[in-house]
Amino acid sequence: APQLGTTLILAATNMFNGSPLGIMTIGFSNTNSNLGPLPVSLQQFGLAAGCDLWCSANATVLFPVGGTTSNFSFPVPLNAGFVGLDVFFQAASLDSAAAGGVVVSNGLAASLGY
């Protein structure tokens, strides 16, 4: 579990090797988003069947991709008010061979604590 005052390192694997950037979506809900109840099928946006949005996408951050595995660093604030806060993550990668040119990961849930 991510501890207050530390940095959570997320490893995104099976990224497209030719993609210079990954996309990390960070949200505070895994049940609702601006697009409706989660998960949301991304097939309606041209992605392949089975590509779903798993988090509310409150923030989206680009990160460098190096090969097929890349790390994303998420600094966890040192503030007791964040204890028990659930944060949800989902990675995406540009992939010219994929439907819609993008592939997405599964979602990840993390609860902040000591």
PDB file of N, CA and C in Angstrom:
ATOM      1  N   ALA A   1       0.846  -1.196   0.000  1.00  0.00           N
ATOM      2  CA  ALA A   1       0.000   0.000   0.000  1.00  0.00           C
ATOM      3  C   ALA A   1       0.881   1.246   0.000  1.00  0.00           C
ATOM      4  N   PRO A   2       0.474   2.269  -0.707  1.00  0.00           N
ATOM      5  CA  PRO A   2       1.258   3.510  -0.735  1.00  0.00           C
ATOM      6  C   PRO A   2       1.204   4.217   0.621  1.00  0.00           C
ATOM      7  N   GLN A   3       2.375   4.564   1.142  1.00  0.00           N
ATOM      8  CA  GLN A   3       2.459   5.212   2.444  1.00  0.00           C
ATOM      9  C   GLN A   3       2.631   6.714   2.286  1.00  0.00           C
ATOM     10  N   LEU A   4       2.036   7.457   3.211  1.00  0.00           N
ATOM     11  CA  LEU A   4       2.158   8.911   3.198  1.00  0.00           C
ATOM     12  C   LEU A   4       3.630   9.309   3.199  1.00  0.00           C
ATOM     13  N   GLY A   5       3.962  10.323   2.408  1.00  0.00           N
ATOM     14  CA  GLY A   5       5.319  10.840   2.367  1.00  0.00           C
ATOM     15  C   GLY A   5       6.289  10.028   1.534  1.00  0.00           C
ATOM     16  N   THR A   6       5.793   9.028   0.809  1.00  0.00           N
ATOM     17  CA  THR A   6       6.654   8.217  -0.056  1.00  0.00           C
ATOM     18  C   THR A   6       6.222   8.398  -1.507  1.00  0.00           C
ATOM     19  N   THR A   7       6.899   7.714  -2.391  1.00  0.00           N
ATOM     20  CA  THR A   7       6.531   7.738  -3.805  1.00  0.00           C
ATOM     21  C   THR A   7       6.101   6.342  -4.218  1.00  0.00           C
ATOM     22  N   LEU A   8       4.896   6.234  -4.724  1.00  0.00           N
ATOM     23  CA  LEU A   8       4.374   4.968  -5.242  1.00  0.00           C
ATOM     24  C   LEU A   8       4.888   4.816  -6.672  1.00  0.00           C
ATOM     25  N   ILE A   9       5.541   3.697  -6.953  1.00  0.00           N
ATOM     26  CA  ILE A   9       6.041   3.421  -8.303  1.00  0.00           C
ATOM     27  C   ILE A   9       5.132   2.379  -8.937  1.00  0.00           C
ATOM     28  N   LEU A  10       4.513   2.743 -10.047  1.00  0.00           N
ATOM     29  CA  LEU A  10       3.645   1.833 -10.789  1.00  0.00           C
ATOM     30  C   LEU A  10       4.388   1.383 -12.036  1.00  0.00           C
ATOM     31  N   ALA A  11       4.422   0.101 -12.301  1.00  0.00           N
ATOM     32  CA  ALA A  11       5.063  -0.439 -13.496  1.00  0.00           C
ATOM     33  C   ALA A  11       3.987  -0.766 -14.520  1.00  0.00           C
ATOM     34  N   ALA A  12       4.065  -0.109 -15.656  1.00  0.00           N
ATOM     35  CA  ALA A  12       3.161  -0.400 -16.772  1.00  0.00           C
ATOM     36  C   ALA A  12       3.909  -1.354 -17.699  1.00  0.00           C
ATOM     37  N   THR A  13       3.370  -2.552 -17.880  1.00  0.00           N
ATOM     38  CA  THR A  13       4.038  -3.558 -18.699  1.00  0.00           C
ATOM     39  C   THR A  13       3.287  -3.785 -20.003  1.00  0.00           C
ATOM     40  N   ASN A  14       3.936  -4.454 -20.925  1.00  0.00           N
ATOM     41  CA  ASN A  14       3.376  -4.741 -22.254  1.00  0.00           C
ATOM     42  C   ASN A  14       3.028  -3.475 -23.019  1.00  0.00           C
ATOM     43  N   MET A  15       3.803  -2.419 -22.783  1.00  0.00           N
ATOM     44  CA  MET A  15       3.616  -1.177 -23.530  1.00  0.00           C
ATOM     45  C   MET A  15       4.151  -1.381 -24.947  1.00  0.00           C
ATOM     46  N   PHE A  16       3.623  -0.618 -25.897  1.00  0.00           N
ATOM     47  CA  PHE A  16       4.109  -0.690 -27.273  1.00  0.00           C
ATOM     48  C   PHE A  16       5.531  -0.132 -27.302  1.00  0.00           C
ATOM     49  N   ASN A  17       6.469  -0.919 -27.788  1.00  0.00           N
ATOM     50  CA  ASN A  17       7.887  -0.564 -27.753  1.00  0.00           C
ATOM     51  C   ASN A  17       8.209   0.705 -28.532  1.00  0.00           C
ATOM     52  N   GLY A  18       7.413   1.046 -29.531  1.00  0.00           N
ATOM     53  CA  GLY A  18       7.689   2.233 -30.339  1.00  0.00           C
ATOM     54  C   GLY A  18       7.025   3.499 -29.828  1.00  0.00           C
ATOM     55  N   SER A  19       6.310   3.410 -28.733  1.00  0.00           N
ATOM     56  CA  SER A  19       5.604   4.570 -28.212  1.00  0.00           C
ATOM     57  C   SER A  19       6.543   5.416 -27.353  1.00  0.00           C
ATOM     58  N   PRO A  20       6.667   6.719 -27.637  1.00  0.00           N
ATOM     59  CA  PRO A  20       7.551   7.564 -26.827  1.00  0.00           C
ATOM     60  C   PRO A  20       6.942   7.947 -25.484  1.00  0.00           C
ATOM     61  N   LEU A  21       5.620   7.938 -25.413  1.00  0.00           N
ATOM     62  CA  LEU A  21       4.935   8.377 -24.199  1.00  0.00           C
ATOM     63  C   LEU A  21       3.824   7.421 -23.803  1.00  0.00           C
ATOM     64  N   GLY A  22       3.644   7.287 -22.508  1.00  0.00           N
ATOM     65  CA  GLY A  22       2.497   6.584 -21.956  1.00  0.00           C
ATOM     66  C   GLY A  22       1.560   7.615 -21.355  1.00  0.00           C
ATOM     67  N   ILE A  23       0.360   7.203 -21.103  1.00  0.00           N
ATOM     68  CA  ILE A  23      -0.655   8.070 -20.505  1.00  0.00           C
ATOM     69  C   ILE A  23      -1.140   7.395 -19.235  1.00  0.00           C
ATOM     70  N   MET A  24      -1.041   8.094 -18.108  1.00  0.00           N
ATOM     71  CA  MET A  24      -1.537   7.549 -16.846  1.00  0.00           C
ATOM     72  C   MET A  24      -2.769   8.353 -16.448  1.00  0.00           C
ATOM     73  N   THR A  25      -3.855   7.655 -16.275  1.00  0.00           N
ATOM     74  CA  THR A  25      -5.090   8.267 -15.810  1.00  0.00           C
ATOM     75  C   THR A  25      -5.222   7.992 -14.321  1.00  0.00           C
ATOM     76  N   ILE A  26      -5.507   9.045 -13.562  1.00  0.00           N
ATOM     77  CA  ILE A  26      -5.626   8.950 -12.108  1.00  0.00           C
ATOM     78  C   ILE A  26      -7.023   9.414 -11.732  1.00  0.00           C
ATOM     79  N   GLY A  27      -7.699   8.645 -10.901  1.00  0.00           N
ATOM     80  CA  GLY A  27      -9.050   9.017 -10.508  1.00  0.00           C
ATOM     81  C   GLY A  27      -9.317   8.717  -9.045  1.00  0.00           C
ATOM     82  N   PHE A  28     -10.427   9.251  -8.557  1.00  0.00           N
ATOM     83  CA  PHE A  28     -10.831   9.042  -7.171  1.00  0.00           C
ATOM     84  C   PHE A  28     -12.087   8.187  -7.071  1.00  0.00           C
ATOM     85  N   SER A  29     -12.496   7.612  -8.216  1.00  0.00           N
ATOM     86  CA  SER A  29     -13.655   6.725  -8.223  1.00  0.00           C
ATOM     87  C   SER A  29     -13.414   5.598  -9.222  1.00  0.00           C
ATOM     88  N   ASN A  30     -13.909   4.429  -8.885  1.00  0.00           N
ATOM     89  CA  ASN A  30     -13.922   3.327  -9.852  1.00  0.00           C
ATOM     90  C   ASN A  30     -15.360   2.863 -10.110  1.00  0.00           C
ATOM     91  N   THR A  31     -16.307   3.737  -9.750  1.00  0.00           N
ATOM     92  CA  THR A  31     -17.712   3.422  -9.995  1.00  0.00           C
ATOM     93  C   THR A  31     -18.404   4.447 -10.889  1.00  0.00           C
ATOM     94  N   ASN A  32     -17.938   5.708 -10.886  1.00  0.00           N
ATOM     95  CA  ASN A  32     -18.568   6.760 -11.684  1.00  0.00           C
ATOM     96  C   ASN A  32     -17.518   7.636 -12.346  1.00  0.00           C
ATOM     97  N   SER A  33     -17.864   8.143 -13.554  1.00  0.00           N
ATOM     98  CA  SER A  33     -16.992   9.062 -14.277  1.00  0.00           C
ATOM     99  C   SER A  33     -17.858  10.072 -15.011  1.00  0.00           C
ATOM    100  N   ASN A  34     -17.213  11.025 -15.668  1.00  0.00           N
ATOM    101  CA  ASN A  34     -17.965  11.987 -16.481  1.00  0.00           C
ATOM    102  C   ASN A  34     -18.645  11.316 -17.665  1.00  0.00           C
ATOM    103  N   LEU A  35     -18.196  10.122 -18.021  1.00  0.00           N
ATOM    104  CA  LEU A  35     -18.795   9.375 -19.128  1.00  0.00           C
ATOM    105  C   LEU A  35     -19.909   8.445 -18.674  1.00  0.00           C
ATOM    106  N   GLY A  36     -20.149   8.381 -17.356  1.00  0.00           N
ATOM    107  CA  GLY A  36     -21.187   7.514 -16.819  1.00  0.00           C
ATOM    108  C   GLY A  36     -20.607   6.488 -15.868  1.00  0.00           C
ATOM    109  N   PRO A  37     -21.409   5.482 -15.528  1.00  0.00           N
ATOM    110  CA  PRO A  37     -20.948   4.440 -14.604  1.00  0.00           C
ATOM    111  C   PRO A  37     -19.745   3.689 -15.178  1.00  0.00           C
ATOM    112  N   LEU A  38     -18.821   3.328 -14.301  1.00  0.00           N
ATOM    113  CA  LEU A  38     -17.632   2.584 -14.709  1.00  0.00           C
ATOM    114  C   LEU A  38     -17.842   1.088 -14.525  1.00  0.00           C
ATOM    115  N   PRO A  39     -17.227   0.252 -15.338  1.00  0.00           N
ATOM    116  CA  PRO A  39     -16.336   0.617 -16.433  1.00  0.00           C
ATOM    117  C   PRO A  39     -17.112   1.136 -17.646  1.00  0.00           C
ATOM    118  N   VAL A  40     -16.427   1.950 -18.461  1.00  0.00           N
ATOM    119  CA  VAL A  40     -16.999   2.491 -19.695  1.00  0.00           C
ATOM    120  C   VAL A  40     -16.263   1.836 -20.862  1.00  0.00           C
ATOM    121  N   SER A  41     -17.005   1.285 -21.808  1.00  0.00           N
ATOM    122  CA  SER A  41     -16.384   0.708 -22.995  1.00  0.00           C
ATOM    123  C   SER A  41     -15.799   1.830 -23.846  1.00  0.00           C
ATOM    124  N   LEU A  42     -14.531   1.683 -24.219  1.00  0.00           N
ATOM    125  CA  LEU A  42     -13.877   2.671 -25.077  1.00  0.00           C
ATOM    126  C   LEU A  42     -14.009   2.311 -26.550  1.00  0.00           C
ATOM    127  N   GLN A  43     -14.739   1.241 -26.826  1.00  0.00           N
ATOM    128  CA  GLN A  43     -14.985   0.843 -28.210  1.00  0.00           C
ATOM    129  C   GLN A  43     -15.770   1.935 -28.941  1.00  0.00           C
ATOM    130  N   GLN A  44     -16.625   2.648 -28.229  1.00  0.00           N
ATOM    131  CA  GLN A  44     -17.399   3.743 -28.837  1.00  0.00           C
ATOM    132  C   GLN A  44     -16.497   4.884 -29.311  1.00  0.00           C
ATOM    133  N   PHE A  45     -15.232   4.910 -28.850  1.00  0.00           N
ATOM    134  CA  PHE A  45     -14.274   5.924 -29.261  1.00  0.00           C
ATOM    135  C   PHE A  45     -13.247   5.364 -30.245  1.00  0.00           C
ATOM    136  N   GLY A  46     -13.528   4.185 -30.805  1.00  0.00           N
ATOM    137  CA  GLY A  46     -12.682   3.592 -31.826  1.00  0.00           C
ATOM    138  C   GLY A  46     -11.660   2.596 -31.332  1.00  0.00           C
ATOM    139  N   LEU A  47     -11.597   2.341 -30.034  1.00  0.00           N
ATOM    140  CA  LEU A  47     -10.655   1.356 -29.514  1.00  0.00           C
ATOM    141  C   LEU A  47     -11.233  -0.048 -29.668  1.00  0.00           C
ATOM    142  N   ALA A  48     -10.403  -1.038 -29.464  1.00  0.00           N
ATOM    143  CA  ALA A  48     -10.816  -2.434 -29.651  1.00  0.00           C
ATOM    144  C   ALA A  48     -11.838  -2.857 -28.602  1.00  0.00           C
ATOM    145  N   ALA A  49     -12.622  -3.871 -28.939  1.00  0.00           N
ATOM    146  CA  ALA A  49     -13.552  -4.455 -27.976  1.00  0.00           C
ATOM    147  C   ALA A  49     -12.766  -4.939 -26.772  1.00  0.00           C
ATOM    148  N   GLY A  50     -13.285  -4.722 -25.584  1.00  0.00           N
ATOM    149  CA  GLY A  50     -12.606  -5.129 -24.367  1.00  0.00           C
ATOM    150  C   GLY A  50     -11.749  -4.033 -23.752  1.00  0.00           C
ATOM    151  N   CYS A  51     -11.529  -2.933 -24.479  1.00  0.00           N
ATOM    152  CA  CYS A  51     -10.798  -1.794 -23.910  1.00  0.00           C
ATOM    153  C   CYS A  51     -11.800  -0.958 -23.124  1.00  0.00           C
ATOM    154  N   ASP A  52     -11.604  -0.911 -21.818  1.00  0.00           N
ATOM    155  CA  ASP A  52     -12.542  -0.209 -20.940  1.00  0.00           C
ATOM    156  C   ASP A  52     -11.816   0.820 -20.088  1.00  0.00           C
ATOM    157  N   LEU A  53     -12.528   1.878 -19.736  1.00  0.00           N
ATOM    158  CA  LEU A  53     -12.036   2.864 -18.775  1.00  0.00           C
ATOM    159  C   LEU A  53     -12.463   2.386 -17.399  1.00  0.00           C
ATOM    160  N   TRP A  54     -11.473   2.272 -16.473  1.00  0.00           N
ATOM    161  CA  TRP A  54     -11.731   1.709 -15.152  1.00  0.00           C
ATOM    162  C   TRP A  54     -11.668   2.724 -14.024  1.00  0.00           C
ATOM    163  N   CYS A  55     -11.310   3.982 -14.311  1.00  0.00           N
ATOM    164  CA  CYS A  55     -11.259   4.985 -13.234  1.00  0.00           C
ATOM    165  C   CYS A  55     -11.807   6.310 -13.738  1.00  0.00           C
ATOM    166  N   SER A  56     -12.127   7.181 -12.820  1.00  0.00           N
ATOM    167  CA  SER A  56     -12.851   8.415 -13.123  1.00  0.00           C
ATOM    168  C   SER A  56     -12.061   9.462 -13.893  1.00  0.00           C
ATOM    169  N   ALA A  57     -10.782   9.281 -14.090  1.00  0.00           N
ATOM    170  CA  ALA A  57      -9.955  10.185 -14.903  1.00  0.00           C
ATOM    171  C   ALA A  57     -10.016  11.631 -14.415  1.00  0.00           C
ATOM    172  N   ASN A  58      -9.740  11.831 -13.122  1.00  0.00           N
ATOM    173  CA  ASN A  58      -9.681  13.184 -12.582  1.00  0.00           C
ATOM    174  C   ASN A  58      -8.419  13.917 -13.019  1.00  0.00           C
ATOM    175  N   ALA A  59      -7.379  13.167 -13.360  1.00  0.00           N
ATOM    176  CA  ALA A  59      -6.136  13.739 -13.875  1.00  0.00           C
ATOM    177  C   ALA A  59      -5.541  12.763 -14.881  1.00  0.00           C
ATOM    178  N   THR A  60      -4.884  13.318 -15.885  1.00  0.00           N
ATOM    179  CA  THR A  60      -4.201  12.513 -16.888  1.00  0.00           C
ATOM    180  C   THR A  60      -2.800  13.073 -17.055  1.00  0.00           C
ATOM    181  N   VAL A  61      -1.797  12.191 -16.955  1.00  0.00           N
ATOM    182  CA  VAL A  61      -0.403  12.609 -16.964  1.00  0.00           C
ATOM    183  C   VAL A  61       0.357  11.792 -18.002  1.00  0.00           C
ATOM    184  N   LEU A  62       1.210  12.453 -18.784  1.00  0.00           N
ATOM    185  CA  LEU A  62       2.078  11.743 -19.716  1.00  0.00           C
ATOM    186  C   LEU A  62       3.342  11.298 -18.991  1.00  0.00           C
ATOM    187  N   PHE A  63       3.874  10.131 -19.381  1.00  0.00           N
ATOM    188  CA  PHE A  63       5.133   9.669 -18.811  1.00  0.00           C
ATOM    189  C   PHE A  63       5.944   8.974 -19.896  1.00  0.00           C
ATOM    190  N   PRO A  64       7.277   9.003 -19.781  1.00  0.00           N
ATOM    191  CA  PRO A  64       8.116   8.417 -20.832  1.00  0.00           C
ATOM    192  C   PRO A  64       8.036   6.891 -20.844  1.00  0.00           C
ATOM    193  N   VAL A  65       8.070   6.336 -22.043  1.00  0.00           N
ATOM    194  CA  VAL A  65       8.072   4.888 -22.218  1.00  0.00           C
ATOM    195  C   VAL A  65       9.465   4.480 -22.685  1.00  0.00           C
ATOM    196  N   GLY A  66      10.032   3.493 -22.033  1.00  0.00           N
ATOM    197  CA  GLY A  66      11.332   2.959 -22.430  1.00  0.00           C
ATOM    198  C   GLY A  66      11.214   1.472 -22.648  1.00  0.00           C
ATOM    199  N   GLY A  67      10.995   1.054 -23.854  1.00  0.00           N
ATOM    200  CA  GLY A  67      10.799  -0.371 -24.125  1.00  0.00           C
ATOM    201  C   GLY A  67       9.362  -0.765 -23.875  1.00  0.00           C
ATOM    202  N   THR A  68       9.166  -1.971 -23.367  1.00  0.00           N
ATOM    203  CA  THR A  68       7.811  -2.459 -23.156  1.00  0.00           C
ATOM    204  C   THR A  68       7.333  -2.313 -21.712  1.00  0.00           C
ATOM    205  N   THR A  69       8.232  -1.920 -20.806  1.00  0.00           N
ATOM    206  CA  THR A  69       7.860  -1.687 -19.413  1.00  0.00           C
ATOM    207  C   THR A  69       8.325  -0.301 -19.005  1.00  0.00           C
ATOM    208  N   SER A  70       7.442   0.468 -18.407  1.00  0.00           N
ATOM    209  CA  SER A  70       7.799   1.807 -17.961  1.00  0.00           C
ATOM    210  C   SER A  70       7.219   2.050 -16.582  1.00  0.00           C
ATOM    211  N   ASN A  71       7.924   2.858 -15.814  1.00  0.00           N
ATOM    212  CA  ASN A  71       7.480   3.184 -14.464  1.00  0.00           C
ATOM    213  C   ASN A  71       6.866   4.567 -14.408  1.00  0.00           C
ATOM    214  N   PHE A  72       5.833   4.672 -13.592  1.00  0.00           N
ATOM    215  CA  PHE A  72       5.185   5.950 -13.325  1.00  0.00           C
ATOM    216  C   PHE A  72       5.300   6.216 -11.832  1.00  0.00           C
ATOM    217  N   SER A  73       5.797   7.397 -11.473  1.00  0.00           N
ATOM    218  CA  SER A  73       5.979   7.766 -10.064  1.00  0.00           C
ATOM    219  C   SER A  73       4.824   8.645  -9.599  1.00  0.00           C
ATOM    220  N   PHE A  74       4.218   8.250  -8.490  1.00  0.00           N
ATOM    221  CA  PHE A  74       3.108   9.006  -7.903  1.00  0.00           C
ATOM    222  C   PHE A  74       3.503   9.405  -6.484  1.00  0.00           C
ATOM    223  N   PRO A  75       3.877  10.680  -6.268  1.00  0.00           N
ATOM    224  CA  PRO A  75       4.245  11.108  -4.914  1.00  0.00           C
ATOM    225  C   PRO A  75       3.014  11.172  -4.012  1.00  0.00           C
ATOM    226  N   VAL A  76       3.109  10.523  -2.867  1.00  0.00           N
ATOM    227  CA  VAL A  76       2.002  10.489  -1.913  1.00  0.00           C
ATOM    228  C   VAL A  76       2.260  11.587  -0.870  1.00  0.00           C
ATOM    229  N   PRO A  77       1.348  12.551  -0.752  1.00  0.00           N
ATOM    230  CA  PRO A  77       1.560  13.652   0.198  1.00  0.00           C
ATOM    231  C   PRO A  77       1.698  13.165   1.636  1.00  0.00           C
ATOM    232  N   LEU A  78       2.488  13.871   2.404  1.00  0.00           N
ATOM    233  CA  LEU A  78       2.641  13.577   3.832  1.00  0.00           C
ATOM    234  C   LEU A  78       1.622  14.433   4.586  1.00  0.00           C
ATOM    235  N   ASN A  79       0.375  13.961   4.576  1.00  0.00           N
ATOM    236  CA  ASN A  79      -0.730  14.685   5.186  1.00  0.00           C
ATOM    237  C   ASN A  79      -1.723  13.646   5.709  1.00  0.00           C
ATOM    238  N   ALA A  80      -1.932  13.640   7.025  1.00  0.00           N
ATOM    239  CA  ALA A  80      -2.808  12.642   7.648  1.00  0.00           C
ATOM    240  C   ALA A  80      -4.232  12.681   7.102  1.00  0.00           C
ATOM    241  N   GLY A  81      -4.632  13.782   6.508  1.00  0.00           N
ATOM    242  CA  GLY A  81      -5.969  13.890   5.933  1.00  0.00           C
ATOM    243  C   GLY A  81      -6.188  12.960   4.755  1.00  0.00           C
ATOM    244  N   PHE A  82      -5.100  12.434   4.191  1.00  0.00           N
ATOM    245  CA  PHE A  82      -5.219  11.528   3.048  1.00  0.00           C
ATOM    246  C   PHE A  82      -5.291  10.059   3.433  1.00  0.00           C
ATOM    247  N   VAL A  83      -5.163   9.739   4.714  1.00  0.00           N
ATOM    248  CA  VAL A  83      -5.224   8.337   5.147  1.00  0.00           C
ATOM    249  C   VAL A  83      -6.582   7.747   4.768  1.00  0.00           C
ATOM    250  N   GLY A  84      -6.547   6.608   4.108  1.00  0.00           N
ATOM    251  CA  GLY A  84      -7.774   5.931   3.700  1.00  0.00           C
ATOM    252  C   GLY A  84      -8.313   6.383   2.356  1.00  0.00           C
ATOM    253  N   LEU A  85      -7.686   7.393   1.736  1.00  0.00           N
ATOM    254  CA  LEU A  85      -8.145   7.856   0.426  1.00  0.00           C
ATOM    255  C   LEU A  85      -7.848   6.794  -0.622  1.00  0.00           C
ATOM    256  N   ASP A  86      -8.840   6.427  -1.385  1.00  0.00           N
ATOM    257  CA  ASP A  86      -8.667   5.475  -2.471  1.00  0.00           C
ATOM    258  C   ASP A  86      -8.329   6.232  -3.745  1.00  0.00           C
ATOM    259  N   VAL A  87      -7.296   5.764  -4.443  1.00  0.00           N
ATOM    260  CA  VAL A  87      -6.862   6.357  -5.700  1.00  0.00           C
ATOM    261  C   VAL A  87      -6.807   5.231  -6.730  1.00  0.00           C
ATOM    262  N   PHE A  88      -7.249   5.527  -7.938  1.00  0.00           N
ATOM    263  CA  PHE A  88      -7.344   4.526  -8.993  1.00  0.00           C
ATOM    264  C   PHE A  88      -6.502   4.963 -10.186  1.00  0.00           C
ATOM    265  N   PHE A  89      -5.841   4.003 -10.814  1.00  0.00           N
ATOM    266  CA  PHE A  89      -4.918   4.287 -11.908  1.00  0.00           C
ATOM    267  C   PHE A  89      -5.227   3.400 -13.107  1.00  0.00           C
ATOM    268  N   GLN A  90      -4.922   3.934 -14.306  1.00  0.00           N
ATOM    269  CA  GLN A  90      -4.996   3.139 -15.528  1.00  0.00           C
ATOM    270  C   GLN A  90      -4.023   3.727 -16.534  1.00  0.00           C
ATOM    271  N   ALA A  91      -3.219   2.870 -17.148  1.00  0.00           N
ATOM    272  CA  ALA A  91      -2.231   3.314 -18.129  1.00  0.00           C
ATOM    273  C   ALA A  91      -2.741   3.071 -19.544  1.00  0.00           C
ATOM    274  N   ALA A  92      -2.221   3.857 -20.467  1.00  0.00           N
ATOM    275  CA  ALA A  92      -2.506   3.682 -21.889  1.00  0.00           C
ATOM    276  C   ALA A  92      -1.225   3.955 -22.662  1.00  0.00           C
ATOM    277  N   SER A  93      -1.172   3.415 -23.855  1.00  0.00           N
ATOM    278  CA  SER A  93      -0.003   3.583 -24.697  1.00  0.00           C
ATOM    279  C   SER A  93      -0.456   3.749 -26.144  1.00  0.00           C
ATOM    280  N   LEU A  94       0.257   4.597 -26.878  1.00  0.00           N
ATOM    281  CA  LEU A  94       0.009   4.706 -28.306  1.00  0.00           C
ATOM    282  C   LEU A  94       0.529   3.445 -28.974  1.00  0.00           C
ATOM    283  N   ASP A  95      -0.254   2.902 -29.906  1.00  0.00           N
ATOM    284  CA  ASP A  95       0.145   1.686 -30.612  1.00  0.00           C
ATOM    285  C   ASP A  95      -0.490   1.735 -31.999  1.00  0.00           C
ATOM    286  N   SER A  96       0.323   2.013 -32.993  1.00  0.00           N
ATOM    287  CA  SER A  96      -0.197   2.200 -34.348  1.00  0.00           C
ATOM    288  C   SER A  96      -0.884   0.957 -34.898  1.00  0.00           C
ATOM    289  N   ALA A  97      -0.584  -0.221 -34.368  1.00  0.00           N
ATOM    290  CA  ALA A  97      -1.203  -1.452 -34.854  1.00  0.00           C
ATOM    291  C   ALA A  97      -2.541  -1.753 -34.177  1.00  0.00           C
ATOM    292  N   ALA A  98      -2.862  -1.038 -33.118  1.00  0.00           N
ATOM    293  CA  ALA A  98      -4.094  -1.297 -32.359  1.00  0.00           C
ATOM    294  C   ALA A  98      -5.262  -0.500 -32.932  1.00  0.00           C
ATOM    295  N   ALA A  99      -6.462  -1.022 -32.737  1.00  0.00           N
ATOM    296  CA  ALA A  99      -7.665  -0.286 -33.130  1.00  0.00           C
ATOM    297  C   ALA A  99      -7.685   1.047 -32.402  1.00  0.00           C
ATOM    298  N   GLY A 100      -7.859   2.131 -33.124  1.00  0.00           N
ATOM    299  CA  GLY A 100      -7.884   3.456 -32.521  1.00  0.00           C
ATOM    300  C   GLY A 100      -6.505   3.990 -32.185  1.00  0.00           C
ATOM    301  N   GLY A 101      -5.457   3.182 -32.393  1.00  0.00           N
ATOM    302  CA  GLY A 101      -4.098   3.624 -32.153  1.00  0.00           C
ATOM    303  C   GLY A 101      -3.689   3.695 -30.694  1.00  0.00           C
ATOM    304  N   VAL A 102      -4.522   3.142 -29.810  1.00  0.00           N
ATOM    305  CA  VAL A 102      -4.249   3.198 -28.370  1.00  0.00           C
ATOM    306  C   VAL A 102      -4.600   1.856 -27.740  1.00  0.00           C
ATOM    307  N   VAL A 103      -3.789   1.438 -26.768  1.00  0.00           N
ATOM    308  CA  VAL A 103      -4.115   0.276 -25.943  1.00  0.00           C
ATOM    309  C   VAL A 103      -4.151   0.724 -24.492  1.00  0.00           C
ATOM    310  N   VAL A 104      -4.990   0.083 -23.695  1.00  0.00           N
ATOM    311  CA  VAL A 104      -5.142   0.463 -22.293  1.00  0.00           C
ATOM    312  C   VAL A 104      -4.879  -0.738 -21.388  1.00  0.00           C
ATOM    313  N   SER A 105      -4.481  -0.418 -20.170  1.00  0.00           N
ATOM    314  CA  SER A 105      -4.208  -1.461 -19.179  1.00  0.00           C
ATOM    315  C   SER A 105      -5.463  -1.771 -18.378  1.00  0.00           C
ATOM    316  N   ASN A 106      -5.327  -2.728 -17.481  1.00  0.00           N
ATOM    317  CA  ASN A 106      -6.330  -2.941 -16.444  1.00  0.00           C
ATOM    318  C   ASN A 106      -6.259  -1.773 -15.475  1.00  0.00           C
ATOM    319  N   GLY A 107      -7.236  -1.660 -14.618  1.00  0.00           N
ATOM    320  CA  GLY A 107      -7.201  -0.637 -13.582  1.00  0.00           C
ATOM    321  C   GLY A 107      -6.473  -1.134 -12.348  1.00  0.00           C
ATOM    322  N   LEU A 108      -5.989  -0.181 -11.541  1.00  0.00           N
ATOM    323  CA  LEU A 108      -5.311  -0.504 -10.287  1.00  0.00           C
ATOM    324  C   LEU A 108      -5.889   0.370  -9.194  1.00  0.00           C
ATOM    325  N   ALA A 109      -6.194  -0.211  -8.060  1.00  0.00           N
ATOM    326  CA  ALA A 109      -6.718   0.525  -6.908  1.00  0.00           C
ATOM    327  C   ALA A 109      -5.654   0.565  -5.824  1.00  0.00           C
ATOM    328  N   ALA A 110      -5.538   1.716  -5.161  1.00  0.00           N
ATOM    329  CA  ALA A 110      -4.593   1.857  -4.056  1.00  0.00           C
ATOM    330  C   ALA A 110      -5.270   2.694  -2.957  1.00  0.00           C
ATOM    331  N   SER A 111      -5.023   2.312  -1.712  1.00  0.00           N
ATOM    332  CA  SER A 111      -5.556   3.056  -0.578  1.00  0.00           C
ATOM    333  C   SER A 111      -4.388   3.658   0.189  1.00  0.00           C
ATOM    334  N   LEU A 112      -4.379   4.967   0.365  1.00  0.00           N
ATOM    335  CA  LEU A 112      -3.272   5.655   1.015  1.00  0.00           C
ATOM    336  C   LEU A 112      -3.300   5.413   2.502  1.00  0.00           C
ATOM    337  N   GLY A 113      -2.117   5.256   3.095  1.00  0.00           N
ATOM    338  CA  GLY A 113      -2.054   4.993   4.530  1.00  0.00           C
ATOM    339  C   GLY A 113      -0.677   5.255   5.087  1.00  0.00           C
ATOM    340  N   TYR A 114      -0.483   4.789   6.334  1.00  0.00           N
ATOM    341  CA  TYR A 114       0.801   4.963   7.019  1.00  0.00           C
ATOM    342  C   TYR A 114       1.740   3.831   6.697  1.00  0.00           C
TER     343      TYR A 114
END
